[in-house]
C-alpha cells in the first residue's frame, strides 16, 4: 500500500508527468507571447506620432527666400 501512494505522488510530479508539464509549458508560452505582444502594442501607443508639429522656418531658407 505504501508503494501505491508513492506512485500516486510520482504521477503528479512535474518532472515525471509529461502530459501535465507540457500543458503547463504550452500555456506559459502562450501567456508570455500574449504579454509580449500587448506590451509592444502599449509601447507603440505610448510613443505614437502625435501629428505635424508647428515648426517656424526661417524666411531665408524657404523655396522662394526672402532676404532682409
N, C-alpha and C. Protein backbone atom coordinates (compact mmCIF):
# COMPACT_ATOMS: atom_id res chain seq x y z
N UNK A 1 0.81 -1.18 0.00
CA UNK A 1 0.00 0.00 0.00
C UNK A 1 0.87 1.26 0.00
N UNK A 2 1.98 1.26 0.68
CA UNK A 2 2.86 2.42 0.69
C UNK A 2 3.42 2.68 -0.70
N UNK A 3 3.65 1.64 -1.44
CA UNK A 3 4.19 1.80 -2.79
C UNK A 3 3.15 2.46 -3.70
N UNK A 4 1.88 2.14 -3.53
CA UNK A 4 0.82 2.75 -4.34
C UNK A 4 0.72 4.26 -4.07
N UNK A 5 0.85 4.66 -2.83
CA UNK A 5 0.79 6.08 -2.50
C UNK A 5 2.00 6.79 -3.08
N UNK A 6 3.16 6.15 -3.05
CA UNK A 6 4.36 6.76 -3.62
C UNK A 6 4.22 6.94 -5.12
N UNK A 7 3.62 5.99 -5.82
CA UNK A 7 3.40 6.13 -7.25
C UNK A 7 2.41 7.24 -7.55
N UNK A 8 1.41 7.41 -6.67
CA UNK A 8 0.44 8.47 -6.86
C UNK A 8 1.12 9.84 -6.82
N UNK A 9 2.07 10.05 -5.92
CA UNK A 9 2.81 11.30 -5.87
C UNK A 9 3.71 11.46 -7.09
N UNK A 10 4.26 10.37 -7.57
CA UNK A 10 5.11 10.45 -8.76
C UNK A 10 4.30 10.83 -9.99
N UNK A 11 3.04 10.40 -10.06
CA UNK A 11 2.20 10.76 -11.20
C UNK A 11 1.92 12.26 -11.23
N UNK A 12 1.87 12.88 -10.09
CA UNK A 12 1.58 14.31 -10.01
C UNK A 12 2.83 15.16 -10.11
N UNK A 13 3.99 14.55 -10.10
CA UNK A 13 5.23 15.30 -10.14
C UNK A 13 5.39 15.96 -11.51
N UNK A 14 5.88 17.20 -11.50
CA UNK A 14 6.03 17.97 -12.74
C UNK A 14 7.07 17.34 -13.67
N UNK A 15 8.14 16.83 -13.10
CA UNK A 15 9.22 16.26 -13.92
C UNK A 15 8.84 14.92 -14.53
N UNK A 16 8.00 14.17 -13.84
CA UNK A 16 7.71 12.82 -14.30
C UNK A 16 6.46 12.73 -15.18
N UNK A 17 5.50 13.62 -14.98
CA UNK A 17 4.26 13.56 -15.74
C UNK A 17 4.38 14.54 -16.91
N UNK A 18 4.71 14.03 -18.09
CA UNK A 18 4.96 14.91 -19.23
C UNK A 18 3.69 15.52 -19.78
N UNK A 19 2.53 14.91 -19.53
CA UNK A 19 1.28 15.48 -20.03
C UNK A 19 0.97 16.78 -19.30
N UNK A 20 0.99 16.76 -17.99
CA UNK A 20 0.71 17.98 -17.23
C UNK A 20 1.79 19.03 -17.45
N UNK A 21 3.03 18.61 -17.52
CA UNK A 21 4.10 19.58 -17.69
C UNK A 21 4.05 20.21 -19.08
N UNK A 22 3.71 19.45 -20.12
CA UNK A 22 3.65 20.03 -21.46
C UNK A 22 2.47 20.98 -21.59
N UNK A 23 1.34 20.66 -20.95
CA UNK A 23 0.21 21.58 -20.96
C UNK A 23 0.57 22.87 -20.24
N UNK A 24 1.21 22.75 -19.09
CA UNK A 24 1.63 23.93 -18.33
C UNK A 24 2.60 24.78 -19.14
N UNK A 25 3.58 24.15 -19.76
CA UNK A 25 4.57 24.90 -20.55
C UNK A 25 3.92 25.55 -21.77
N UNK A 26 2.95 24.88 -22.38
CA UNK A 26 2.25 25.46 -23.52
C UNK A 26 1.50 26.73 -23.10
N UNK A 27 0.74 26.65 -22.01
CA UNK A 27 0.00 27.82 -21.57
C UNK A 27 0.94 28.92 -21.07
N UNK A 28 2.05 28.55 -20.49
CA UNK A 28 3.04 29.55 -20.08
C UNK A 28 3.61 30.26 -21.30
N UNK A 29 3.89 29.51 -22.36
CA UNK A 29 4.41 30.10 -23.59
C UNK A 29 3.37 31.01 -24.23
N UNK A 30 2.12 30.59 -24.27
CA UNK A 30 1.06 31.43 -24.83
C UNK A 30 0.91 32.70 -24.02
N UNK A 31 0.92 32.60 -22.70
CA UNK A 31 0.82 33.78 -21.84
C UNK A 31 1.98 34.74 -22.08
N UNK A 32 3.20 34.22 -22.20
CA UNK A 32 4.36 35.09 -22.43
C UNK A 32 4.28 35.80 -23.77
N UNK A 33 3.85 35.09 -24.81
CA UNK A 33 3.73 35.71 -26.14
C UNK A 33 2.66 36.79 -26.13
N UNK A 34 1.51 36.50 -25.51
CA UNK A 34 0.43 37.49 -25.44
C UNK A 34 0.88 38.70 -24.64
N UNK A 35 1.57 38.49 -23.53
CA UNK A 35 2.06 39.60 -22.72
C UNK A 35 3.07 40.44 -23.50
N UNK A 36 3.94 39.79 -24.26
CA UNK A 36 4.94 40.50 -25.06
C UNK A 36 4.27 41.33 -26.16
N UNK A 37 3.27 40.76 -26.83
CA UNK A 37 2.58 41.48 -27.90
C UNK A 37 1.80 42.66 -27.33
N UNK A 38 1.08 42.45 -26.23
CA UNK A 38 0.32 43.55 -25.63
C UNK A 38 1.26 44.64 -25.11
N UNK A 39 2.39 44.25 -24.55
CA UNK A 39 3.37 45.24 -24.10
C UNK A 39 3.94 46.05 -25.25
N UNK A 40 4.21 45.38 -26.37
CA UNK A 40 4.69 46.09 -27.55
C UNK A 40 3.65 47.04 -28.12
N UNK A 41 2.39 46.59 -28.15
CA UNK A 41 1.31 47.46 -28.63
C UNK A 41 1.15 48.68 -27.72
N UNK A 42 1.21 48.47 -26.43
CA UNK A 42 1.09 49.59 -25.50
C UNK A 42 2.26 50.56 -25.66
N UNK A 43 3.45 50.03 -25.87
CA UNK A 43 4.61 50.90 -26.05
C UNK A 43 4.49 51.71 -27.34
N UNK A 44 4.00 51.06 -28.41
CA UNK A 44 3.79 51.80 -29.65
C UNK A 44 2.71 52.87 -29.48
N UNK A 45 1.67 52.56 -28.72
CA UNK A 45 0.62 53.55 -28.47
C UNK A 45 1.14 54.71 -27.63
N UNK A 46 1.96 54.39 -26.67
CA UNK A 46 2.50 55.42 -25.78
C UNK A 46 3.45 56.36 -26.53
N UNK A 47 4.21 55.85 -27.48
CA UNK A 47 5.18 56.65 -28.23
C UNK A 47 4.68 56.93 -29.65
N UNK A 48 3.37 57.07 -29.81
CA UNK A 48 2.82 57.26 -31.15
C UNK A 48 3.13 58.65 -31.68
N UNK A 49 2.96 58.79 -33.00
CA UNK A 49 3.18 60.07 -33.67
C UNK A 49 2.00 60.97 -33.37
N UNK A 50 2.26 62.10 -32.78
CA UNK A 50 1.18 62.95 -32.30
C UNK A 50 0.75 64.01 -33.31
N UNK A 51 1.27 64.00 -34.50
CA UNK A 51 0.84 64.95 -35.53
C UNK A 51 1.96 65.84 -35.99
N UNK A 52 1.61 66.66 -36.95
CA UNK A 52 2.58 67.55 -37.56
C UNK A 52 2.86 68.72 -36.62
N UNK A 53 4.09 68.87 -36.16
CA UNK A 53 4.38 69.98 -35.24
C UNK A 53 4.46 71.32 -35.98
N UNK A 54 4.18 72.36 -35.26
CA UNK A 54 4.32 73.71 -35.82
C UNK A 54 5.78 74.12 -35.74
N UNK A 55 6.44 74.15 -36.89
CA UNK A 55 7.86 74.49 -36.94
C UNK A 55 7.99 75.83 -37.66
N UNK A 56 8.70 76.72 -37.04
CA UNK A 56 8.93 78.03 -37.67
C UNK A 56 10.15 77.93 -38.57
N UNK A 57 9.93 78.15 -39.86
CA UNK A 57 11.01 78.06 -40.84
C UNK A 57 11.52 79.47 -41.11
N UNK A 58 12.83 79.66 -41.04
CA UNK A 58 13.37 80.99 -41.34
C UNK A 58 13.04 81.41 -42.77
N UNK A 59 12.80 82.68 -42.99
CA UNK A 59 12.37 83.19 -44.30
C UNK A 59 13.46 83.01 -45.36
N UNK A 60 14.72 83.02 -44.97
CA UNK A 60 15.78 82.92 -45.97
C UNK A 60 16.04 81.47 -46.40
N UNK A 61 15.38 80.48 -45.82
CA UNK A 61 15.59 79.08 -46.21
C UNK A 61 14.37 78.49 -46.93
N UNK A 62 13.37 79.29 -47.24
CA UNK A 62 12.19 78.81 -47.95
C UNK A 62 12.49 78.61 -49.43
N UNK A 63 11.47 78.04 -50.15
CA UNK A 63 11.63 77.77 -51.59
C UNK A 63 11.88 79.08 -52.35
N UNK A 64 11.14 80.09 -51.98
CA UNK A 64 11.40 81.43 -52.52
C UNK A 64 11.90 82.29 -51.35
N UNK A 65 13.21 82.36 -51.18
CA UNK A 65 13.75 83.03 -49.99
C UNK A 65 13.47 84.53 -49.99
N UNK A 66 13.29 85.02 -48.82
CA UNK A 66 13.09 86.46 -48.63
C UNK A 66 14.20 86.97 -47.73
N UNK A 67 14.99 87.84 -48.29
CA UNK A 67 16.12 88.39 -47.54
C UNK A 67 15.77 89.75 -47.00
N UNK A 68 16.46 90.15 -45.97
CA UNK A 68 16.23 91.47 -45.39
C UNK A 68 16.78 92.57 -46.26
